All heavy atoms as atom14 arrays in JSON, in Angstrom:
{
  "sequence": "MSVLAIWTGAAMAPYVPQVQEYFGDVTFRDHGLSASEGRMTTPLEAN",
  "atom14_mask": [
    [1, 1, 1, 1, 1, 1, 1, 1, 0, 0, 0, 0, 0, 0],
    [1, 1, 1, 1, 1, 1, 0, 0, 0, 0, 0, 0, 0, 0],
    [1, 1, 1, 1, 1, 1, 1, 0, 0, 0, 0, 0, 0, 0],
    [1, 1, 1, 1, 1, 1, 1, 1, 0, 0, 0, 0, 0, 0],
    [1, 1, 1, 1, 1, 0, 0, 0, 0, 0, 0, 0, 0, 0],
    [1, 1, 1, 1, 1, 1, 1, 1, 0, 0, 0, 0, 0, 0],
    [1, 1, 1, 1, 1, 1, 1, 1, 1, 1, 1, 1, 1, 1],
    [1, 1, 1, 1, 1, 1, 1, 0, 0, 0, 0, 0, 0, 0],
    [1, 1, 1, 1, 0, 0, 0, 0, 0, 0, 0, 0, 0, 0],
    [1, 1, 1, 1, 1, 0, 0, 0, 0, 0, 0, 0, 0, 0],
    [1, 1, 1, 1, 1, 0, 0, 0, 0, 0, 0, 0, 0, 0],
    [1, 1, 1, 1, 1, 1, 1, 1, 0, 0, 0, 0, 0, 0],
    [1, 1, 1, 1, 1, 0, 0, 0, 0, 0, 0, 0, 0, 0],
    [1, 1, 1, 1, 1, 1, 1, 0, 0, 0, 0, 0, 0, 0],
    [1, 1, 1, 1, 1, 1, 1, 1, 1, 1, 1, 1, 0, 0],
    [1, 1, 1, 1, 1, 1, 1, 0, 0, 0, 0, 0, 0, 0],
    [1, 1, 1, 1, 1, 1, 1, 0, 0, 0, 0, 0, 0, 0],
    [1, 1, 1, 1, 1, 1, 1, 1, 1, 0, 0, 0, 0, 0],
    [1, 1, 1, 1, 1, 1, 1, 0, 0, 0, 0, 0, 0, 0],
    [1, 1, 1, 1, 1, 1, 1, 1, 1, 0, 0, 0, 0, 0],
    [1, 1, 1, 1, 1, 1, 1, 1, 1, 0, 0, 0, 0, 0],
    [1, 1, 1, 1, 1, 1, 1, 1, 1, 1, 1, 1, 0, 0],
    [1, 1, 1, 1, 1, 1, 1, 1, 1, 1, 1, 0, 0, 0],
    [1, 1, 1, 1, 0, 0, 0, 0, 0, 0, 0, 0, 0, 0],
    [1, 1, 1, 1, 1, 1, 1, 1, 0, 0, 0, 0, 0, 0],
    [1, 1, 1, 1, 1, 1, 1, 0, 0, 0, 0, 0, 0, 0],
    [1, 1, 1, 1, 1, 1, 1, 0, 0, 0, 0, 0, 0, 0],
    [1, 1, 1, 1, 1, 1, 1, 1, 1, 1, 1, 0, 0, 0],
    [1, 1, 1, 1, 1, 1, 1, 1, 1, 1, 1, 0, 0, 0],
    [1, 1, 1, 1, 1, 1, 1, 1, 0, 0, 0, 0, 0, 0],
    [1, 1, 1, 1, 1, 1, 1, 1, 1, 1, 0, 0, 0, 0],
    [1, 1, 1, 1, 0, 0, 0, 0, 0, 0, 0, 0, 0, 0],
    [1, 1, 1, 1, 1, 1, 1, 1, 0, 0, 0, 0, 0, 0],
    [1, 1, 1, 1, 1, 1, 0, 0, 0, 0, 0, 0, 0, 0],
    [1, 1, 1, 1, 1, 0, 0, 0, 0, 0, 0, 0, 0, 0],
    [1, 1, 1, 1, 1, 1, 0, 0, 0, 0, 0, 0, 0, 0],
    [1, 1, 1, 1, 1, 1, 1, 1, 1, 0, 0, 0, 0, 0],
    [1, 1, 1, 1, 0, 0, 0, 0, 0, 0, 0, 0, 0, 0],
    [1, 1, 1, 1, 1, 1, 1, 1, 1, 1, 1, 0, 0, 0],
    [1, 1, 1, 1, 1, 1, 1, 1, 0, 0, 0, 0, 0, 0],
    [1, 1, 1, 1, 1, 1, 1, 0, 0, 0, 0, 0, 0, 0],
    [1, 1, 1, 1, 1, 1, 1, 0, 0, 0, 0, 0, 0, 0],
    [1, 1, 1, 1, 1, 1, 1, 0, 0, 0, 0, 0, 0, 0],
    [1, 1, 1, 1, 1, 1, 1, 1, 0, 0, 0, 0, 0, 0],
    [1, 1, 1, 1, 1, 1, 1, 1, 1, 0, 0, 0, 0, 0],
    [1, 1, 1, 1, 1, 0, 0, 0, 0, 0, 0, 0, 0, 0],
    [1, 1, 1, 1, 1, 1, 1, 1, 0, 0, 0, 0, 0, 0]
  ],
  "atom14_positions": [
    [[0.84, -1.19, 0.0], [0.0, 0.0, 0.0], [0.88, 1.25, 0.0], [1.7, 1.45, 0.89], [-0.91, 0.01, 1.24], [-1.78, 1.24, 1.37], [-3.26, 1.18, 0.33], [-4.27, 0.0, 1.25], [0.0, 0.0, 0.0], [0.0, 0.0, 0.0], [0.0, 0.0, 0.0], [0.0, 0.0, 0.0], [0.0, 0.0, 0.0], [0.0, 0.0, 0.0]],
    [[0.71, 2.1, -1.0], [1.56, 3.29, -1.11], [0.77, 4.59, -1.16], [1.33, 5.67, -0.93], [2.45, 3.2, -2.35], [1.67, 3.13, -3.53], [0.0, 0.0, 0.0], [0.0, 0.0, 0.0], [0.0, 0.0, 0.0], [0.0, 0.0, 0.0], [0.0, 0.0, 0.0], [0.0, 0.0, 0.0], [0.0, 0.0, 0.0], [0.0, 0.0, 0.0]],
    [[-0.53, 4.53, -1.47], [-1.32, 5.74, -1.63], [-2.67, 5.58, -0.94], [-3.31, 4.52, -1.05], [-1.55, 6.07, -3.13], [-2.42, 7.31, -3.28], [-0.23, 6.27, -3.85], [0.0, 0.0, 0.0], [0.0, 0.0, 0.0], [0.0, 0.0, 0.0], [0.0, 0.0, 0.0], [0.0, 0.0, 0.0], [0.0, 0.0, 0.0], [0.0, 0.0, 0.0]],
    [[-3.1, 6.62, -0.25], [-4.45, 6.69, 0.3], [-5.11, 7.94, -0.26], [-4.55, 9.04, -0.19], [-4.45, 6.74, 1.82], [-4.0, 5.47, 2.55], [-4.04, 5.69, 4.05], [-4.87, 4.28, 2.17], [0.0, 0.0, 0.0], [0.0, 0.0, 0.0], [0.0, 0.0, 0.0], [0.0, 0.0, 0.0], [0.0, 0.0, 0.0], [0.0, 0.0, 0.0]],
    [[-6.3, 7.77, -0.81], [-7.05, 8.89, -1.39], [-8.22, 9.23, -0.48], [-9.25, 8.55, -0.5], [-7.54, 8.54, -2.79], [0.0, 0.0, 0.0], [0.0, 0.0, 0.0], [0.0, 0.0, 0.0], [0.0, 0.0, 0.0], [0.0, 0.0, 0.0], [0.0, 0.0, 0.0], [0.0, 0.0, 0.0], [0.0, 0.0, 0.0], [0.0, 0.0, 0.0]],
    [[-8.04, 10.24, 0.36], [-9.07, 10.66, 1.3], [-9.03, 12.18, 1.41], [-8.08, 12.83, 0.96], [-8.84, 10.06, 2.72], [-7.42, 10.39, 3.21], [-9.1, 8.57, 2.72], [-7.15, 9.99, 4.64], [0.0, 0.0, 0.0], [0.0, 0.0, 0.0], [0.0, 0.0, 0.0], [0.0, 0.0, 0.0], [0.0, 0.0, 0.0], [0.0, 0.0, 0.0]],
    [[-10.07, 12.74, 2.03], [-10.01, 14.16, 2.37], [-8.99, 14.34, 3.5], [-9.01, 13.62, 4.49], [-11.37, 14.65, 2.84], [-12.38, 14.8, 1.75], [-12.14, 15.16, 0.45], [-13.8, 14.6, 1.84], [-13.31, 15.2, -0.27], [-14.34, 14.86, 0.56], [-14.64, 14.25, 2.88], [-15.7, 14.78, 0.3], [-16.01, 14.16, 2.63], [-16.53, 14.43, 1.35]],
    [[-8.12, 15.31, 3.35], [-7.08, 15.54, 4.35], [-7.1, 16.94, 4.94], [-6.32, 17.25, 5.83], [-5.69, 15.29, 3.74], [-5.5, 16.18, 2.62], [-5.54, 13.85, 3.28], [0.0, 0.0, 0.0], [0.0, 0.0, 0.0], [0.0, 0.0, 0.0], [0.0, 0.0, 0.0], [0.0, 0.0, 0.0], [0.0, 0.0, 0.0], [0.0, 0.0, 0.0]],
    [[-7.97, 17.8, 4.44], [-7.98, 19.18, 4.9], [-9.07, 19.45, 5.92], [-9.86, 18.57, 6.29], [0.0, 0.0, 0.0], [0.0, 0.0, 0.0], [0.0, 0.0, 0.0], [0.0, 0.0, 0.0], [0.0, 0.0, 0.0], [0.0, 0.0, 0.0], [0.0, 0.0, 0.0], [0.0, 0.0, 0.0], [0.0, 0.0, 0.0], [0.0, 0.0, 0.0]],
    [[-9.12, 20.7, 6.37], [-10.15, 21.21, 7.28], [-10.36, 20.27, 8.47], [-9.42, 19.86, 9.13], [-11.44, 21.45, 6.5], [0.0, 0.0, 0.0], [0.0, 0.0, 0.0], [0.0, 0.0, 0.0], [0.0, 0.0, 0.0], [0.0, 0.0, 0.0], [0.0, 0.0, 0.0], [0.0, 0.0, 0.0], [0.0, 0.0, 0.0], [0.0, 0.0, 0.0]],
    [[-11.62, 19.89, 8.72], [-11.93, 19.08, 9.9], [-11.39, 17.66, 9.82], [-11.32, 16.95, 10.83], [-13.45, 19.03, 10.1], [0.0, 0.0, 0.0], [0.0, 0.0, 0.0], [0.0, 0.0, 0.0], [0.0, 0.0, 0.0], [0.0, 0.0, 0.0], [0.0, 0.0, 0.0], [0.0, 0.0, 0.0], [0.0, 0.0, 0.0], [0.0, 0.0, 0.0]],
    [[-10.97, 17.22, 8.62], [-10.45, 15.86, 8.47], [-8.97, 15.75, 8.84], [-8.48, 14.66, 9.13], [-10.64, 15.39, 7.02], [-12.09, 15.28, 6.57], [-13.01, 13.99, 7.43], [-13.91, 14.96, 8.65], [0.0, 0.0, 0.0], [0.0, 0.0, 0.0], [0.0, 0.0, 0.0], [0.0, 0.0, 0.0], [0.0, 0.0, 0.0], [0.0, 0.0, 0.0]],
    [[-8.26, 16.87, 8.82], [-6.81, 16.84, 9.04], [-6.38, 16.17, 10.34], [-5.38, 15.44, 10.37], [-6.25, 18.27, 8.96], [0.0, 0.0, 0.0], [0.0, 0.0, 0.0], [0.0, 0.0, 0.0], [0.0, 0.0, 0.0], [0.0, 0.0, 0.0], [0.0, 0.0, 0.0], [0.0, 0.0, 0.0], [0.0, 0.0, 0.0], [0.0, 0.0, 0.0]],
    [[-7.1, 16.38, 11.46], [-6.66, 15.75, 12.71], [-6.66, 14.23, 12.7], [-6.01, 13.61, 13.55], [-7.66, 16.29, 13.75], [-8.19, 17.56, 13.16], [-8.23, 17.31, 11.69], [0.0, 0.0, 0.0], [0.0, 0.0, 0.0], [0.0, 0.0, 0.0], [0.0, 0.0, 0.0], [0.0, 0.0, 0.0], [0.0, 0.0, 0.0], [0.0, 0.0, 0.0]],
    [[-7.37, 13.62, 11.75], [-7.46, 12.16, 11.72], [-6.36, 11.51, 10.88], [-6.19, 10.3, 10.9], [-8.83, 11.72, 11.2], [-9.95, 12.16, 12.12], [-10.73, 13.27, 11.82], [-10.19, 11.48, 13.31], [-11.74, 13.69, 12.67], [-11.2, 11.89, 14.16], [-11.97, 13.0, 13.83], [-12.96, 13.41, 14.7], [0.0, 0.0, 0.0], [0.0, 0.0, 0.0]],
    [[-5.61, 12.34, 10.14], [-4.56, 11.79, 9.27], [-3.5, 11.01, 10.05], [-3.11, 9.91, 9.63], [-3.94, 12.92, 8.42], [-2.68, 12.43, 7.71], [-4.95, 13.42, 7.39], [0.0, 0.0, 0.0], [0.0, 0.0, 0.0], [0.0, 0.0, 0.0], [0.0, 0.0, 0.0], [0.0, 0.0, 0.0], [0.0, 0.0, 0.0], [0.0, 0.0, 0.0]],
    [[-3.01, 11.5, 11.21], [-2.02, 10.7, 11.96], [-2.54, 9.33, 12.38], [-1.77, 8.35, 12.37], [-1.72, 11.58, 13.17], [-2.02, 12.97, 12.72], [-3.2, 12.83, 11.81], [0.0, 0.0, 0.0], [0.0, 0.0, 0.0], [0.0, 0.0, 0.0], [0.0, 0.0, 0.0], [0.0, 0.0, 0.0], [0.0, 0.0, 0.0], [0.0, 0.0, 0.0]],
    [[-3.83, 9.23, 12.72], [-4.38, 7.93, 13.09], [-4.43, 6.99, 11.89], [-4.16, 5.8, 12.02], [-5.79, 8.1, 13.66], [-5.82, 8.75, 15.03], [-7.24, 9.03, 15.46], [-7.8, 10.1, 15.21], [-7.85, 8.06, 16.1], [0.0, 0.0, 0.0], [0.0, 0.0, 0.0], [0.0, 0.0, 0.0], [0.0, 0.0, 0.0], [0.0, 0.0, 0.0]],
    [[-4.77, 7.54, 10.73], [-4.76, 6.73, 9.51], [-3.35, 6.19, 9.26], [-3.16, 5.01, 8.93], [-5.26, 7.56, 8.3], [-5.08, 6.77, 7.01], [-6.72, 7.95, 8.48], [0.0, 0.0, 0.0], [0.0, 0.0, 0.0], [0.0, 0.0, 0.0], [0.0, 0.0, 0.0], [0.0, 0.0, 0.0], [0.0, 0.0, 0.0], [0.0, 0.0, 0.0]],
    [[-2.35, 7.05, 9.42], [-0.97, 6.62, 9.2], [-0.55, 5.53, 10.18], [0.22, 4.63, 9.84], [-0.03, 7.82, 9.32], [-0.14, 8.78, 8.15], [0.71, 10.02, 8.35], [0.64, 10.68, 9.38], [1.52, 10.33, 7.35], [0.0, 0.0, 0.0], [0.0, 0.0, 0.0], [0.0, 0.0, 0.0], [0.0, 0.0, 0.0], [0.0, 0.0, 0.0]],
    [[-1.06, 5.6, 11.41], [-0.73, 4.58, 12.39], [-1.16, 3.2, 11.92], [-0.44, 2.22, 12.08], [-1.39, 4.9, 13.74], [-1.06, 3.9, 14.84], [-1.73, 4.24, 16.15], [-2.48, 5.23, 16.2], [-1.53, 3.48, 17.13], [0.0, 0.0, 0.0], [0.0, 0.0, 0.0], [0.0, 0.0, 0.0], [0.0, 0.0, 0.0], [0.0, 0.0, 0.0]],
    [[-2.32, 3.13, 11.3], [-2.84, 1.85, 10.83], [-2.29, 1.44, 9.46], [-2.06, 0.26, 9.21], [-4.37, 1.89, 10.74], [-5.06, 1.94, 12.09], [-5.82, 3.05, 12.46], [-4.96, 0.89, 12.98], [-6.47, 3.1, 13.69], [-5.59, 0.93, 14.21], [-6.34, 2.04, 14.55], [-6.96, 2.08, 15.78], [0.0, 0.0, 0.0], [0.0, 0.0, 0.0]],
    [[-2.07, 2.42, 8.59], [-1.73, 2.11, 7.2], [-0.25, 2.3, 6.87], [0.19, 1.91, 5.79], [-2.59, 2.95, 6.25], [-4.01, 2.47, 6.14], [-4.95, 2.82, 7.1], [-4.4, 1.64, 5.1], [-6.26, 2.37, 7.02], [-5.71, 1.19, 5.01], [-6.64, 1.56, 5.97], [0.0, 0.0, 0.0], [0.0, 0.0, 0.0], [0.0, 0.0, 0.0]],
    [[0.5, 2.9, 7.78], [1.93, 3.02, 7.56], [2.32, 4.26, 6.78], [1.58, 5.23, 6.67], [0.0, 0.0, 0.0], [0.0, 0.0, 0.0], [0.0, 0.0, 0.0], [0.0, 0.0, 0.0], [0.0, 0.0, 0.0], [0.0, 0.0, 0.0], [0.0, 0.0, 0.0], [0.0, 0.0, 0.0], [0.0, 0.0, 0.0], [0.0, 0.0, 0.0]],
    [[3.5, 4.21, 6.2], [4.09, 5.35, 5.5], [3.53, 5.41, 4.08], [4.03, 4.76, 3.15], [5.62, 5.2, 5.47], [6.29, 6.41, 4.83], [5.63, 7.46, 4.73], [7.46, 6.28, 4.42], [0.0, 0.0, 0.0], [0.0, 0.0, 0.0], [0.0, 0.0, 0.0], [0.0, 0.0, 0.0], [0.0, 0.0, 0.0], [0.0, 0.0, 0.0]],
    [[2.47, 6.19, 3.91], [1.78, 6.28, 2.61], [1.77, 7.72, 2.13], [1.97, 8.66, 2.9], [0.32, 5.77, 2.71], [0.28, 4.3, 3.05], [-0.46, 6.59, 3.74], [0.0, 0.0, 0.0], [0.0, 0.0, 0.0], [0.0, 0.0, 0.0], [0.0, 0.0, 0.0], [0.0, 0.0, 0.0], [0.0, 0.0, 0.0], [0.0, 0.0, 0.0]],
    [[1.53, 7.88, 0.83], [1.32, 9.2, 0.24], [-0.18, 9.46, 0.21], [-0.97, 8.58, -0.13], [1.87, 9.24, -1.19], [3.28, 9.0, -1.15], [1.6, 10.58, -1.84], [0.0, 0.0, 0.0], [0.0, 0.0, 0.0], [0.0, 0.0, 0.0], [0.0, 0.0, 0.0], [0.0, 0.0, 0.0], [0.0, 0.0, 0.0], [0.0, 0.0, 0.0]],
    [[-0.57, 10.67, 0.56], [-1.98, 11.04, 0.53], [-2.29, 11.81, -0.75], [-1.55, 12.74, -1.12], [-2.36, 11.87, 1.75], [-2.36, 11.1, 3.03], [-1.25, 11.1, 3.87], [-3.45, 10.34, 3.4], [-1.24, 10.38, 5.04], [-3.45, 9.6, 4.57], [-2.34, 9.62, 5.39], [0.0, 0.0, 0.0], [0.0, 0.0, 0.0], [0.0, 0.0, 0.0]],
    [[-3.37, 11.41, -1.42], [-3.84, 12.11, -2.61], [-5.29, 12.53, -2.36], [-6.23, 11.77, -2.56], [-3.76, 11.21, -3.86], [-2.38, 10.72, -4.21], [-1.38, 11.81, -4.53], [-1.81, 12.74, -5.55], [-1.06, 13.1, -6.59], [0.16, 12.6, -6.74], [-1.47, 13.97, -7.46], [0.0, 0.0, 0.0], [0.0, 0.0, 0.0], [0.0, 0.0, 0.0]],
    [[-5.44, 13.73, -1.84], [-6.77, 14.28, -1.59], [-7.52, 14.39, -2.91], [-6.94, 14.83, -3.91], [-6.63, 15.65, -0.92], [-7.91, 16.14, -0.29], [-8.91, 16.29, -1.03], [-7.92, 16.38, 0.93], [0.0, 0.0, 0.0], [0.0, 0.0, 0.0], [0.0, 0.0, 0.0], [0.0, 0.0, 0.0], [0.0, 0.0, 0.0], [0.0, 0.0, 0.0]],
    [[-8.79, 13.98, -2.92], [-9.5, 14.07, -4.2], [-10.37, 15.3, -4.33], [-11.22, 15.39, -5.21], [-10.3, 12.8, -4.52], [-10.94, 12.12, -3.37], [-12.02, 12.6, -2.71], [-10.63, 10.94, -2.78], [-12.38, 11.75, -1.75], [-11.55, 10.75, -1.76], [0.0, 0.0, 0.0], [0.0, 0.0, 0.0], [0.0, 0.0, 0.0], [0.0, 0.0, 0.0]],
    [[-10.12, 16.29, -3.48], [-10.68, 17.61, -3.75], [-12.05, 17.85, -3.17], [-12.67, 16.99, -2.53], [0.0, 0.0, 0.0], [0.0, 0.0, 0.0], [0.0, 0.0, 0.0], [0.0, 0.0, 0.0], [0.0, 0.0, 0.0], [0.0, 0.0, 0.0], [0.0, 0.0, 0.0], [0.0, 0.0, 0.0], [0.0, 0.0, 0.0], [0.0, 0.0, 0.0]],
    [[-12.53, 19.06, -3.39], [-13.83, 19.48, -2.9], [-14.92, 18.91, -3.82], [-14.94, 19.18, -5.01], [-13.9, 21.01, -2.86], [-15.22, 21.63, -2.42], [-15.65, 21.12, -1.04], [-15.12, 23.15, -2.42], [0.0, 0.0, 0.0], [0.0, 0.0, 0.0], [0.0, 0.0, 0.0], [0.0, 0.0, 0.0], [0.0, 0.0, 0.0], [0.0, 0.0, 0.0]],
    [[-15.79, 18.12, -3.22], [-16.88, 17.54, -4.0], [-18.08, 17.34, -3.08], [-17.94, 17.26, -1.86], [-16.47, 16.2, -4.63], [-16.15, 15.25, -3.63], [0.0, 0.0, 0.0], [0.0, 0.0, 0.0], [0.0, 0.0, 0.0], [0.0, 0.0, 0.0], [0.0, 0.0, 0.0], [0.0, 0.0, 0.0], [0.0, 0.0, 0.0], [0.0, 0.0, 0.0]],
    [[-19.23, 17.28, -3.68], [-20.48, 17.07, -2.94], [-21.48, 16.48, -3.92], [-21.19, 16.31, -5.11], [-20.98, 18.4, -2.38], [0.0, 0.0, 0.0], [0.0, 0.0, 0.0], [0.0, 0.0, 0.0], [0.0, 0.0, 0.0], [0.0, 0.0, 0.0], [0.0, 0.0, 0.0], [0.0, 0.0, 0.0], [0.0, 0.0, 0.0], [0.0, 0.0, 0.0]],
    [[-22.67, 16.18, -3.42], [-23.71, 15.68, -4.33], [-24.01, 16.69, -5.42], [-24.43, 16.32, -6.52], [-24.98, 15.37, -3.53], [-24.74, 14.36, -2.58], [0.0, 0.0, 0.0], [0.0, 0.0, 0.0], [0.0, 0.0, 0.0], [0.0, 0.0, 0.0], [0.0, 0.0, 0.0], [0.0, 0.0, 0.0], [0.0, 0.0, 0.0], [0.0, 0.0, 0.0]],
    [[-23.79, 17.96, -5.13], [-24.05, 19.01, -6.12], [-23.03, 19.04, -7.23], [-23.25, 19.68, -8.26], [-24.08, 20.38, -5.42], [-25.24, 20.6, -4.48], [-25.01, 20.04, -3.08], [-23.94, 19.41, -2.86], [-25.89, 20.21, -2.22], [0.0, 0.0, 0.0], [0.0, 0.0, 0.0], [0.0, 0.0, 0.0], [0.0, 0.0, 0.0], [0.0, 0.0, 0.0]],
    [[-21.9, 18.34, -7.05], [-20.91, 18.28, -8.12], [-19.49, 18.29, -7.58], [-19.26, 18.55, -6.4], [0.0, 0.0, 0.0], [0.0, 0.0, 0.0], [0.0, 0.0, 0.0], [0.0, 0.0, 0.0], [0.0, 0.0, 0.0], [0.0, 0.0, 0.0], [0.0, 0.0, 0.0], [0.0, 0.0, 0.0], [0.0, 0.0, 0.0], [0.0, 0.0, 0.0]],
    [[-18.53, 17.99, -8.45], [-17.12, 18.11, -8.11], [-16.65, 19.51, -8.45], [-16.93, 20.03, -9.53], [-16.29, 17.08, -8.89], [-16.3, 15.7, -8.27], [-15.39, 14.74, -9.02], [-14.02, 15.22, -9.13], [-13.1, 15.15, -8.15], [-13.42, 14.61, -7.0], [-11.88, 15.6, -8.34], [0.0, 0.0, 0.0], [0.0, 0.0, 0.0], [0.0, 0.0, 0.0]],
    [[-15.91, 20.11, -7.52], [-15.5, 21.49, -7.7], [-14.0, 21.63, -7.97], [-13.6, 22.4, -8.84], [-15.87, 22.33, -6.47], [-17.37, 22.57, -6.32], [-18.24, 21.13, -5.69], [-18.54, 21.61, -4.02], [0.0, 0.0, 0.0], [0.0, 0.0, 0.0], [0.0, 0.0, 0.0], [0.0, 0.0, 0.0], [0.0, 0.0, 0.0], [0.0, 0.0, 0.0]],
    [[-13.16, 20.94, -7.21], [-11.72, 21.12, -7.37], [-11.02, 19.78, -7.58], [-11.51, 18.73, -7.15], [-11.09, 21.8, -6.13], [-11.16, 20.93, -4.99], [-11.79, 23.11, -5.82], [0.0, 0.0, 0.0], [0.0, 0.0, 0.0], [0.0, 0.0, 0.0], [0.0, 0.0, 0.0], [0.0, 0.0, 0.0], [0.0, 0.0, 0.0], [0.0, 0.0, 0.0]],
    [[-9.85, 19.85, -8.19], [-9.03, 18.67, -8.45], [-7.6, 18.95, -7.99], [-6.86, 19.68, -8.65], [-9.03, 18.32, -9.94], [-10.37, 18.04, -10.37], [-8.16, 17.1, -10.22], [0.0, 0.0, 0.0], [0.0, 0.0, 0.0], [0.0, 0.0, 0.0], [0.0, 0.0, 0.0], [0.0, 0.0, 0.0], [0.0, 0.0, 0.0], [0.0, 0.0, 0.0]],
    [[-7.18, 18.39, -6.85], [-5.78, 18.53, -6.43], [-4.86, 17.77, -7.4], [-5.13, 16.62, -7.75], [-5.76, 17.9, -5.03], [-7.17, 17.96, -4.56], [-7.99, 17.75, -5.8], [0.0, 0.0, 0.0], [0.0, 0.0, 0.0], [0.0, 0.0, 0.0], [0.0, 0.0, 0.0], [0.0, 0.0, 0.0], [0.0, 0.0, 0.0], [0.0, 0.0, 0.0]],
    [[-3.79, 18.4, -7.8], [-2.84, 17.78, -8.74], [-1.54, 17.4, -8.06], [-0.67, 16.78, -8.69], [-2.56, 18.73, -9.9], [-3.77, 19.09, -10.77], [-3.39, 20.11, -11.83], [-4.37, 17.85, -11.43], [0.0, 0.0, 0.0], [0.0, 0.0, 0.0], [0.0, 0.0, 0.0], [0.0, 0.0, 0.0], [0.0, 0.0, 0.0], [0.0, 0.0, 0.0]],
    [[-1.37, 17.77, -6.78], [-0.14, 17.49, -6.05], [-0.4, 16.51, -4.92], [-1.51, 16.47, -4.36], [0.46, 18.79, -5.48], [0.67, 19.88, -6.51], [1.68, 19.5, -7.58], [2.59, 18.71, -7.27], [1.57, 20.01, -8.73], [0.0, 0.0, 0.0], [0.0, 0.0, 0.0], [0.0, 0.0, 0.0], [0.0, 0.0, 0.0], [0.0, 0.0, 0.0]],
    [[0.62, 15.74, -4.55], [0.51, 14.8, -3.44], [0.52, 15.55, -2.11], [1.08, 16.65, -2.01], [1.67, 13.8, -3.48], [0.0, 0.0, 0.0], [0.0, 0.0, 0.0], [0.0, 0.0, 0.0], [0.0, 0.0, 0.0], [0.0, 0.0, 0.0], [0.0, 0.0, 0.0], [0.0, 0.0, 0.0], [0.0, 0.0, 0.0], [0.0, 0.0, 0.0]],
    [[-0.12, 14.95, -1.11], [-0.13, 15.47, 0.26], [-0.59, 16.93, 0.32], [-0.04, 17.75, 1.06], [1.27, 15.33, 0.89], [1.74, 13.89, 0.93], [1.0, 12.99, 1.34], [2.96, 13.65, 0.47], [0.0, 0.0, 0.0], [0.0, 0.0, 0.0], [0.0, 0.0, 0.0], [0.0, 0.0, 0.0], [0.0, 0.0, 0.0], [0.0, 0.0, 0.0]]
  ]
}
């Protein structure tokens, strides 16, 4: 496992260390701001 694609910003940021504890040394690829109303942003950089 080398990549986790989850929300990592705002209120989700405090949970990232716990995810790393279980999943190890991974790269995070946030998939951006999205909702049922549509996808708004696309992050192009890791972490």
